[in-house]
Amino acid sequence: MNINEIQLQIQTNPLTSKQLERRPKRAVFSDAARKAWLDLENRLGDSPVKEATQALNKHHKFK
């Protein structure tokens, strides 16, 4: 099977001014979720996964 052409169809939906002004919702971690993520962060060695986990822990609010 030879594929000679791919056609993409894109439909845009511009954001309204109210959508632009809204801040994204922030997830709230339960105590159990917070402990699990912090435990994972502490077990990981230096890696991109550890950096992502640290960013996630810093970004999310905790109950």
Protein backbone atom coordinates (compact mmCIF):
# COMPACT_ATOMS: atom_id res chain seq x y z
CA MET A 1 0.00 0.00 0.00
CA ASN A 2 1.48 3.32 -1.08
CA ILE A 3 0.30 6.54 0.51
CA ASN A 4 0.88 9.54 -1.69
CA GLU A 5 -1.20 12.19 -0.01
CA ILE A 6 -2.54 13.11 3.42
CA GLN A 7 -5.23 15.74 3.77
CA LEU A 8 -5.82 17.48 7.09
CA GLN A 9 -8.99 19.34 7.89
CA ILE A 10 -8.77 21.79 10.76
CA GLN A 11 -11.64 23.75 12.21
CA THR A 12 -10.76 26.60 14.52
CA ASN A 13 -12.98 27.94 17.24
CA PRO A 14 -11.64 31.28 18.46
CA LEU A 15 -11.73 31.88 22.19
CA THR A 16 -14.18 34.44 23.47
CA SER A 17 -12.91 37.25 25.67
CA LYS A 18 -14.44 35.56 28.75
CA GLN A 19 -12.51 32.37 28.03
CA LEU A 20 -9.29 34.35 27.69
CA GLU A 21 -9.83 36.02 31.08
CA ARG A 22 -10.56 32.80 32.98
CA ARG A 23 -7.80 31.17 34.90
CA PRO A 24 -7.43 27.42 34.54
CA LYS A 25 -8.86 25.35 37.38
CA ARG A 26 -6.34 23.89 39.77
CA ALA A 27 -6.74 20.36 40.99
CA VAL A 28 -6.80 19.79 44.73
CA PHE A 29 -5.04 16.70 46.03
CA SER A 30 -6.37 14.75 48.99
CA ASP A 31 -3.95 13.92 51.80
CA ALA A 32 -3.52 10.39 50.42
CA ALA A 33 -2.76 11.68 46.92
CA ARG A 34 -0.33 14.25 48.30
CA LYS A 35 1.52 11.58 50.29
CA ALA A 36 1.67 9.25 47.29
CA TRP A 37 3.10 11.91 44.97
CA LEU A 38 5.63 13.10 47.54
CA ASP A 39 6.71 9.49 48.25
CA LEU A 40 7.18 8.91 44.52
CA GLU A 41 9.20 12.10 44.20
CA ASN A 42 11.49 11.02 47.06
CA ARG A 43 12.07 7.54 45.57
CA LEU A 44 13.03 8.75 42.10
CA GLY A 45 16.58 9.47 41.09
CA ASP A 46 17.50 12.56 39.12
CA SER A 47 15.51 12.28 35.91
CA PRO A 48 12.92 14.08 33.80
CA VAL A 49 10.23 12.07 35.63
CA LYS A 50 11.42 13.44 38.98
CA GLU A 51 11.43 16.97 37.60
CA ALA A 52 7.87 16.50 36.33
CA THR A 53 6.77 15.11 39.70
CA GLN A 54 8.33 18.07 41.51
CA ALA A 55 6.55 20.48 39.17
CA LEU A 56 3.26 18.67 39.71
CA ASN A 57 3.66 18.79 43.49
CA LYS A 58 4.54 22.48 43.38
CA HIS A 59 1.70 23.35 40.96
CA HIS A 60 -1.21 21.60 42.70
CA LYS A 61 -2.93 22.72 45.84
CA PHE A 62 -3.36 20.33 48.72
CA LYS A 63 -6.35 19.98 51.00
